[in-house]
Amino acid sequence: MTNTFNRLELTQLLSAGATSLDLFLEEATLERLIDYLVLLAKWNAVYNLTAIRDPQQMVTQHLLDALSILPAFLHVKHVLDVGAGGGLPGMVLAIWAQQANPALRISMVDTVHKKTAFLTQAKVELGLTNVTVHTGRVEALKVTQLFDVITSRAFAELVDFVNWSAHLLAEDGRFIAMKGQLPVDEIARLPSGWKVAEIRPLQVPGLNAERHLIFIERDTA
């Protein structure tokens, strides 16, 4: 971690941001999120998991960005994070769920072994019993229980996201894609049999950039 890291300062920044999002995070949850950030920064020095290296920017662009989607995950039980990378949003969801949604189970898949090695180590060090990590291509992934939500953060075009992972989605499940600017062209290219059920703009505290959640469901009409 860089010498600009100040744990108390970052915890206060995270807490203030969570309050702006109308989220109540217990002290233990705040601490564990910062623990995750420390671990991400430590591994990033060797494995280049994220281009963002300033600790305060990591709180804003990683932690608060992921926390902003939590209202969409309040009542789900089985989530897959595709192209999980350094664990965003999957690790943040898993840490939050230990406080707010203990039944939630998070699976994460990535093709890059160094990224899943980090996720596996983070799972162990953070004591996250609600996390499963898979290495490989999502289109080749096989599971015994289908997911009620499949999510991603800037993983791929929506058409590829849906086509590659639709076999893993429960019949009444939905995709929730994290995007920056509203991806109008991507929405227009969605495969037949699928529809956008909701577009939810997000406001991330301290981030002057567009963020949207795109909810995609089977079109049964």
C-alpha atoms as a PDB file:
ATOM      1  CA  MET A   1       0.000   0.000   0.000  1.00  0.00           C
ATOM      2  CA  THR A   2       1.224   3.481  -0.722  1.00  0.00           C
ATOM      3  CA  ASN A   3       2.330   5.723   2.110  1.00  0.00           C
ATOM      4  CA  THR A   4      -0.699   7.948   1.410  1.00  0.00           C
ATOM      5  CA  PHE A   5      -2.898   5.255   2.943  1.00  0.00           C
ATOM      6  CA  ASN A   6      -4.642   6.396   6.114  1.00  0.00           C
ATOM      7  CA  ARG A   7      -7.041   3.751   7.367  1.00  0.00           C
ATOM      8  CA  LEU A   8      -9.068   6.073   9.603  1.00  0.00           C
ATOM      9  CA  GLU A   9      -9.417   8.654   6.829  1.00  0.00           C
ATOM     10  CA  LEU A  10     -10.529   6.041   4.320  1.00  0.00           C
ATOM     11  CA  THR A  11     -13.015   4.520   6.757  1.00  0.00           C
ATOM     12  CA  GLN A  12     -14.525   7.960   7.350  1.00  0.00           C
ATOM     13  CA  LEU A  13     -14.730   8.581   3.597  1.00  0.00           C
ATOM     14  CA  LEU A  14     -16.410   5.217   3.098  1.00  0.00           C
ATOM     15  CA  SER A  15     -18.827   5.780   5.982  1.00  0.00           C
ATOM     16  CA  ALA A  16     -19.813   9.234   4.709  1.00  0.00           C
ATOM     17  CA  GLY A  17     -20.340   7.850   1.221  1.00  0.00           C
ATOM     18  CA  ALA A  18     -22.497   5.013   2.516  1.00  0.00           C
ATOM     19  CA  THR A  19     -24.598   7.525   4.442  1.00  0.00           C
ATOM     20  CA  SER A  20     -25.072   9.536   1.229  1.00  0.00           C
ATOM     21  CA  LEU A  21     -26.363   6.328  -0.372  1.00  0.00           C
ATOM     22  CA  ASP A  22     -28.801   5.847   2.535  1.00  0.00           C
ATOM     23  CA  LEU A  23     -26.961   2.699   3.563  1.00  0.00           C
ATOM     24  CA  PHE A  24     -26.352   1.752   7.165  1.00  0.00           C
ATOM     25  CA  LEU A  25     -23.113  -0.210   7.389  1.00  0.00           C
ATOM     26  CA  GLU A  26     -22.072  -1.663  10.705  1.00  0.00           C
ATOM     27  CA  GLU A  27     -18.572  -0.859  11.927  1.00  0.00           C
ATOM     28  CA  ALA A  28     -17.465  -4.429  11.284  1.00  0.00           C
ATOM     29  CA  THR A  29     -18.660  -4.155   7.670  1.00  0.00           C
ATOM     30  CA  LEU A  30     -16.794  -0.876   7.147  1.00  0.00           C
ATOM     31  CA  GLU A  31     -13.642  -2.435   8.607  1.00  0.00           C
ATOM     32  CA  ARG A  32     -13.903  -5.495   6.402  1.00  0.00           C
ATOM     33  CA  LEU A  33     -14.416  -3.379   3.293  1.00  0.00           C
ATOM     34  CA  ILE A  34     -11.250  -1.462   4.124  1.00  0.00           C
ATOM     35  CA  ASP A  35      -9.477  -4.791   4.788  1.00  0.00           C
ATOM     36  CA  TYR A  36     -10.504  -5.840   1.286  1.00  0.00           C
ATOM     37  CA  LEU A  37      -9.189  -2.563  -0.133  1.00  0.00           C
ATOM     38  CA  VAL A  38      -5.847  -3.050   1.630  1.00  0.00           C
ATOM     39  CA  LEU A  39      -5.594  -6.552   0.215  1.00  0.00           C
ATOM     40  CA  LEU A  40      -6.526  -5.355  -3.285  1.00  0.00           C
ATOM     41  CA  ALA A  41      -3.859  -2.639  -3.141  1.00  0.00           C
ATOM     42  CA  LYS A  42      -1.244  -5.099  -1.859  1.00  0.00           C
ATOM     43  CA  TRP A  43      -1.864  -7.591  -4.662  1.00  0.00           C
ATOM     44  CA  ASN A  44      -2.221  -4.794  -7.200  1.00  0.00           C
ATOM     45  CA  ALA A  45       1.430  -3.894  -6.740  1.00  0.00           C
ATOM     46  CA  VAL A  46       2.348  -7.247  -8.318  1.00  0.00           C
ATOM     47  CA  TYR A  47      -0.667  -8.419 -10.325  1.00  0.00           C
ATOM     48  CA  ASN A  48      -2.041  -5.136 -11.708  1.00  0.00           C
ATOM     49  CA  LEU A  49      -5.662  -5.874 -10.775  1.00  0.00           C
ATOM     50  CA  THR A  50      -6.792  -2.259 -11.136  1.00  0.00           C
ATOM     51  CA  ALA A  51      -5.451   0.875 -12.802  1.00  0.00           C
ATOM     52  CA  ILE A  52      -6.595   2.955  -9.819  1.00  0.00           C
ATOM     53  CA  ARG A  53      -3.866   3.176  -7.205  1.00  0.00           C
ATOM     54  CA  ASP A  54      -4.788   6.208  -5.116  1.00  0.00           C
ATOM     55  CA  PRO A  55      -6.496   4.896  -1.940  1.00  0.00           C
ATOM     56  CA  GLN A  56      -9.161   7.620  -1.796  1.00  0.00           C
ATOM     57  CA  GLN A  57     -10.018   7.085  -5.454  1.00  0.00           C
ATOM     58  CA  MET A  58     -10.230   3.339  -4.755  1.00  0.00           C
ATOM     59  CA  VAL A  59     -12.811   4.002  -2.034  1.00  0.00           C
ATOM     60  CA  THR A  60     -14.889   6.115  -4.410  1.00  0.00           C
ATOM     61  CA  GLN A  61     -14.468   4.300  -7.720  1.00  0.00           C
ATOM     62  CA  HIS A  62     -14.442   0.767  -6.326  1.00  0.00           C
ATOM     63  CA  LEU A  63     -16.160   0.495  -2.942  1.00  0.00           C
ATOM     64  CA  LEU A  64     -18.792   3.221  -3.221  1.00  0.00           C
ATOM     65  CA  ASP A  65     -19.420   2.404  -6.872  1.00  0.00           C
ATOM     66  CA  ALA A  66     -20.194  -1.195  -5.887  1.00  0.00           C
ATOM     67  CA  LEU A  67     -22.173  -0.184  -2.794  1.00  0.00           C
ATOM     68  CA  SER A  68     -24.441   2.022  -4.925  1.00  0.00           C
ATOM     69  CA  ILE A  69     -26.039  -1.087  -6.469  1.00  0.00           C
ATOM     70  CA  LEU A  70     -26.985  -2.758  -3.167  1.00  0.00           C
ATOM     71  CA  PRO A  71     -30.707  -1.879  -3.191  1.00  0.00           C
ATOM     72  CA  ALA A  72     -31.038  -4.128  -6.256  1.00  0.00           C
ATOM     73  CA  PHE A  73     -29.686  -7.099  -4.272  1.00  0.00           C
ATOM     74  CA  LEU A  74     -31.718  -6.867  -1.067  1.00  0.00           C
ATOM     75  CA  HIS A  75     -33.853  -9.956  -1.620  1.00  0.00           C
ATOM     76  CA  VAL A  76     -31.759 -12.162  -3.894  1.00  0.00           C
ATOM     77  CA  LYS A  77     -30.127 -15.394  -2.777  1.00  0.00           C
ATOM     78  CA  HIS A  78     -27.804 -16.701  -5.474  1.00  0.00           C
ATOM     79  CA  VAL A  79     -25.654 -14.287  -7.512  1.00  0.00           C
ATOM     80  CA  LEU A  80     -22.989 -14.779 -10.186  1.00  0.00           C
ATOM     81  CA  ASP A  81     -20.466 -11.993 -10.866  1.00  0.00           C
ATOM     82  CA  VAL A  82     -19.127 -12.493 -14.413  1.00  0.00           C
ATOM     83  CA  GLY A  83     -15.662 -11.200 -15.252  1.00  0.00           C
ATOM     84  CA  ALA A  84     -15.184 -10.548 -11.550  1.00  0.00           C
ATOM     85  CA  GLY A  85     -11.625  -9.233 -11.904  1.00  0.00           C
ATOM     86  CA  GLY A  86     -10.484  -7.933  -8.536  1.00  0.00           C
ATOM     87  CA  GLY A  87     -13.874  -8.687  -6.984  1.00  0.00           C
ATOM     88  CA  LEU A  88     -16.102  -5.810  -7.992  1.00  0.00           C
ATOM     89  CA  PRO A  89     -18.931  -5.894  -7.303  1.00  0.00           C
ATOM     90  CA  GLY A  90     -18.813  -9.501  -6.012  1.00  0.00           C
ATOM     91  CA  MET A  91     -16.540  -9.087  -3.002  1.00  0.00           C
ATOM     92  CA  VAL A  92     -18.308  -5.929  -1.874  1.00  0.00           C
ATOM     93  CA  LEU A  93     -21.677  -7.703  -2.166  1.00  0.00           C
ATOM     94  CA  ALA A  94     -20.348 -10.651  -0.169  1.00  0.00           C
ATOM     95  CA  ILE A  95     -19.001  -8.458   2.635  1.00  0.00           C
ATOM     96  CA  TRP A  96     -22.226  -6.441   2.821  1.00  0.00           C
ATOM     97  CA  ALA A  97     -24.364  -9.594   2.733  1.00  0.00           C
ATOM     98  CA  GLN A  98     -22.812 -10.929   5.924  1.00  0.00           C
ATOM     99  CA  GLN A  99     -24.521  -8.008   7.680  1.00  0.00           C
ATOM    100  CA  ALA A 100     -27.634  -7.399   5.606  1.00  0.00           C
ATOM    101  CA  ASN A 101     -28.531 -10.572   3.679  1.00  0.00           C
ATOM    102  CA  PRO A 102     -26.948 -13.662   5.312  1.00  0.00           C
ATOM    103  CA  ALA A 103     -28.700 -16.031   2.902  1.00  0.00           C
ATOM    104  CA  LEU A 104     -26.968 -14.473  -0.115  1.00  0.00           C
ATOM    105  CA  ARG A 105     -24.341 -16.591  -1.863  1.00  0.00           C
ATOM    106  CA  ILE A 106     -21.931 -15.008  -4.341  1.00  0.00           C
ATOM    107  CA  SER A 107     -20.120 -16.892  -7.084  1.00  0.00           C
ATOM    108  CA  MET A 108     -17.423 -15.135  -9.119  1.00  0.00           C
ATOM    109  CA  VAL A 109     -15.926 -16.253 -12.411  1.00  0.00           C
ATOM    110  CA  ASP A 110     -12.953 -14.911 -14.355  1.00  0.00           C
ATOM    111  CA  THR A 111     -10.720 -16.351 -17.044  1.00  0.00           C
ATOM    112  CA  VAL A 112      -7.522 -14.853 -15.608  1.00  0.00           C
ATOM    113  CA  HIS A 113      -5.890 -17.122 -13.025  1.00  0.00           C
ATOM    114  CA  LYS A 114      -4.042 -14.332 -11.182  1.00  0.00           C
ATOM    115  CA  LYS A 115      -7.379 -12.596 -10.584  1.00  0.00           C
ATOM    116  CA  THR A 116      -9.118 -15.708  -9.267  1.00  0.00           C
ATOM    117  CA  ALA A 117      -6.033 -16.453  -7.135  1.00  0.00           C
ATOM    118  CA  PHE A 118      -6.519 -13.041  -5.534  1.00  0.00           C
ATOM    119  CA  LEU A 119     -10.247 -13.637  -5.072  1.00  0.00           C
ATOM    120  CA  THR A 120      -9.561 -16.987  -3.416  1.00  0.00           C
ATOM    121  CA  GLN A 121      -7.000 -15.431  -1.072  1.00  0.00           C
ATOM    122  CA  ALA A 122      -9.345 -12.552  -0.237  1.00  0.00           C
ATOM    123  CA  LYS A 123     -12.124 -15.036   0.521  1.00  0.00           C
ATOM    124  CA  VAL A 124      -9.849 -16.808   3.015  1.00  0.00           C
ATOM    125  CA  GLU A 125      -8.344 -13.718   4.645  1.00  0.00           C
ATOM    126  CA  LEU A 126     -11.706 -11.963   4.987  1.00  0.00           C
ATOM    127  CA  GLY A 127     -13.491 -15.085   6.245  1.00  0.00           C
ATOM    128  CA  LEU A 128     -16.140 -14.976   3.517  1.00  0.00           C
ATOM    129  CA  THR A 129     -17.967 -18.294   3.727  1.00  0.00           C
ATOM    130  CA  ASN A 130     -20.589 -17.035   1.245  1.00  0.00           C
ATOM    131  CA  VAL A 131     -18.151 -16.868  -1.699  1.00  0.00           C
ATOM    132  CA  THR A 132     -17.308 -19.380  -4.454  1.00  0.00           C
ATOM    133  CA  VAL A 133     -14.602 -18.643  -7.040  1.00  0.00           C
ATOM    134  CA  HIS A 134     -14.430 -20.199 -10.518  1.00  0.00           C
ATOM    135  CA  THR A 135     -11.577 -19.914 -13.035  1.00  0.00           C
ATOM    136  CA  GLY A 136     -12.546 -20.174 -16.692  1.00  0.00           C
ATOM    137  CA  ARG A 137     -14.915 -18.895 -19.343  1.00  0.00           C
ATOM    138  CA  VAL A 138     -18.469 -18.234 -18.211  1.00  0.00           C
ATOM    139  CA  GLU A 139     -19.902 -19.924 -21.308  1.00  0.00           C
ATOM    140  CA  ALA A 140     -18.229 -23.176 -20.211  1.00  0.00           C
ATOM    141  CA  LEU A 141     -19.261 -22.900 -16.549  1.00  0.00           C
ATOM    142  CA  LYS A 142     -21.501 -25.620 -15.181  1.00  0.00           C
ATOM    143  CA  VAL A 143     -23.327 -25.322 -11.854  1.00  0.00           C
ATOM    144  CA  THR A 144     -25.782 -27.448  -9.893  1.00  0.00           C
ATOM    145  CA  GLN A 145     -27.966 -24.486  -8.933  1.00  0.00           C
ATOM    146  CA  LEU A 146     -28.944 -21.746 -11.364  1.00  0.00           C
ATOM    147  CA  PHE A 147     -28.595 -18.091 -10.341  1.00  0.00           C
ATOM    148  CA  ASP A 148     -31.447 -15.698  -9.650  1.00  0.00           C
ATOM    149  CA  VAL A 149     -29.180 -12.764 -10.576  1.00  0.00           C
ATOM    150  CA  ILE A 150     -26.166 -12.609 -12.883  1.00  0.00           C
ATOM    151  CA  THR A 151     -24.259  -9.350 -12.689  1.00  0.00           C
ATOM    152  CA  SER A 152     -21.173  -7.757 -14.195  1.00  0.00           C
ATOM    153  CA  ARG A 153     -19.266  -4.519 -14.045  1.00  0.00           C
ATOM    154  CA  ALA A 154     -18.167  -3.265 -17.467  1.00  0.00           C
ATOM    155  CA  PHE A 155     -17.596  -6.874 -18.526  1.00  0.00           C
ATOM    156  CA  ALA A 156     -18.727  -7.007 -22.140  1.00  0.00           C
ATOM    157  CA  GLU A 157     -21.399  -5.821 -24.546  1.00  0.00           C
ATOM    158  CA  LEU A 158     -24.850  -6.685 -23.251  1.00  0.00           C
ATOM    159  CA  VAL A 159     -25.493  -9.080 -26.144  1.00  0.00           C
ATOM    160  CA  ASP A 160     -22.371 -11.098 -25.261  1.00  0.00           C
ATOM    161  CA  PHE A 161     -23.064 -10.918 -21.527  1.00  0.00           C
ATOM    162  CA  VAL A 162     -26.519 -12.423 -22.091  1.00  0.00           C
ATOM    163  CA  ASN A 163     -25.535 -14.978 -24.736  1.00  0.00           C
ATOM    164  CA  TRP A 164     -22.512 -16.273 -22.824  1.00  0.00           C
ATOM    165  CA  SER A 165     -24.199 -16.693 -19.455  1.00  0.00           C
ATOM    166  CA  ALA A 166     -27.935 -17.226 -20.126  1.00  0.00           C
ATOM    167  CA  HIS A 167     -27.576 -20.982 -19.513  1.00  0.00           C
ATOM    168  CA  LEU A 168     -26.742 -20.173 -15.880  1.00  0.00           C
ATOM    169  CA  LEU A 169     -29.784 -17.971 -15.179  1.00  0.00           C
ATOM    170  CA  ALA A 170     -32.868 -19.348 -13.451  1.00  0.00           C
ATOM    171  CA  GLU A 171     -36.085 -19.182 -15.465  1.00  0.00           C
ATOM    172  CA  ASP A 172     -37.399 -16.233 -13.449  1.00  0.00           C
ATOM    173  CA  GLY A 173     -33.943 -14.708 -12.907  1.00  0.00           C
ATOM    174  CA  ARG A 174     -32.537 -11.500 -14.309  1.00  0.00           C
ATOM    175  CA  PHE A 175     -29.303  -9.926 -15.427  1.00  0.00           C
ATOM    176  CA  ILE A 176     -28.163  -6.755 -13.668  1.00  0.00           C
ATOM    177  CA  ALA A 177     -25.383  -5.071 -15.639  1.00  0.00           C
ATOM    178  CA  MET A 178     -23.333  -2.193 -14.237  1.00  0.00           C
ATOM    179  CA  LYS A 179     -22.641   0.357 -16.952  1.00  0.00           C
ATOM    180  CA  GLY A 180     -21.296   3.893 -17.159  1.00  0.00           C
ATOM    181  CA  GLN A 181     -23.110   5.951 -19.763  1.00  0.00           C
ATOM    182  CA  LEU A 182     -26.483   4.635 -20.862  1.00  0.00           C
ATOM    183  CA  PRO A 183     -25.603   1.979 -23.490  1.00  0.00           C
ATOM    184  CA  VAL A 184     -28.392   2.759 -25.972  1.00  0.00           C
ATOM    185  CA  ASP A 185     -26.743   0.937 -28.882  1.00  0.00           C
ATOM    186  CA  GLU A 186     -26.010  -2.144 -26.767  1.00  0.00           C
ATOM    187  CA  ILE A 187     -29.616  -2.293 -25.598  1.00  0.00           C
ATOM    188  CA  ALA A 188     -30.772  -2.162 -29.218  1.00  0.00           C
ATOM    189  CA  ARG A 189     -28.576  -5.182 -29.997  1.00  0.00           C
ATOM    190  CA  LEU A 190     -29.957  -7.432 -27.251  1.00  0.00           C
ATOM    191  CA  PRO A 191     -30.691 -10.954 -28.529  1.00  0.00           C
ATOM    192  CA  SER A 192     -34.287 -11.902 -29.253  1.00  0.00           C
ATOM    193  CA  GLY A 193     -36.160 -13.343 -26.299  1.00  0.00           C
ATOM    194  CA  TRP A 194     -34.726 -10.769 -23.894  1.00  0.00           C
ATOM    195  CA  LYS A 195     -35.896  -7.323 -22.831  1.00  0.00           C
ATOM    196  CA  VAL A 196     -34.772  -4.445 -20.643  1.00  0.00           C
ATOM    197  CA  ALA A 197     -37.088  -4.436 -17.634  1.00  0.00           C
ATOM    198  CA  GLU A 198     -35.601  -1.371 -15.948  1.00  0.00           C
ATOM    199  CA  ILE A 199     -32.872   1.224 -16.348  1.00  0.00           C
ATOM    200  CA  ARG A 200     -31.800   2.674 -13.019  1.00  0.00           C
ATOM    201  CA  PRO A 201     -29.496   5.732 -12.925  1.00  0.00           C
ATOM    202  CA  LEU A 202     -27.046   5.723 -10.033  1.00  0.00           C
ATOM    203  CA  GLN A 203     -25.281   8.552  -8.247  1.00  0.00           C
ATOM    204  CA  VAL A 204     -21.984   7.516  -6.670  1.00  0.00           C
ATOM    205  CA  PRO A 205     -20.842   9.915  -3.909  1.00  0.00           C
ATOM    206  CA  GLY A 206     -17.721  11.791  -4.952  1.00  0.00           C
ATOM    207  CA  LEU A 207     -17.838  10.513  -8.535  1.00  0.00           C
ATOM    208  CA  ASN A 208     -18.687  12.942 -11.303  1.00  0.00           C
ATOM    209  CA  ALA A 209     -19.574  10.324 -13.888  1.00  0.00           C
ATOM    210  CA  GLU A 210     -22.659   8.573 -15.206  1.00  0.00           C
ATOM    211  CA  ARG A 211     -23.583   5.192 -13.786  1.00  0.00           C
ATOM    212  CA  HIS A 212     -26.527   2.978 -14.729  1.00  0.00           C
ATOM    213  CA  LEU A 213     -27.911  -0.404 -13.782  1.00  0.00           C
ATOM    214  CA  ILE A 214     -29.504  -2.276 -16.672  1.00  0.00           C
ATOM    215  CA  PHE A 215     -32.023  -4.970 -15.644  1.00  0.00           C
ATOM    216  CA  ILE A 216     -32.574  -7.606 -18.339  1.00  0.00           C
ATOM    217  CA  GLU A 217     -35.206 -10.363 -18.202  1.00  0.00           C
ATOM    218  CA  ARG A 218     -36.607 -13.023 -20.502  1.00  0.00           C
ATOM    219  CA  ASP A 219     -39.277 -11.625 -22.812  1.00  0.00           C
ATOM    220  CA  THR A 220     -42.203 -13.975 -22.307  1.00  0.00           C
ATOM    221  CA  ALA A 221     -44.705 -11.844 -24.202  1.00  0.00           C
END
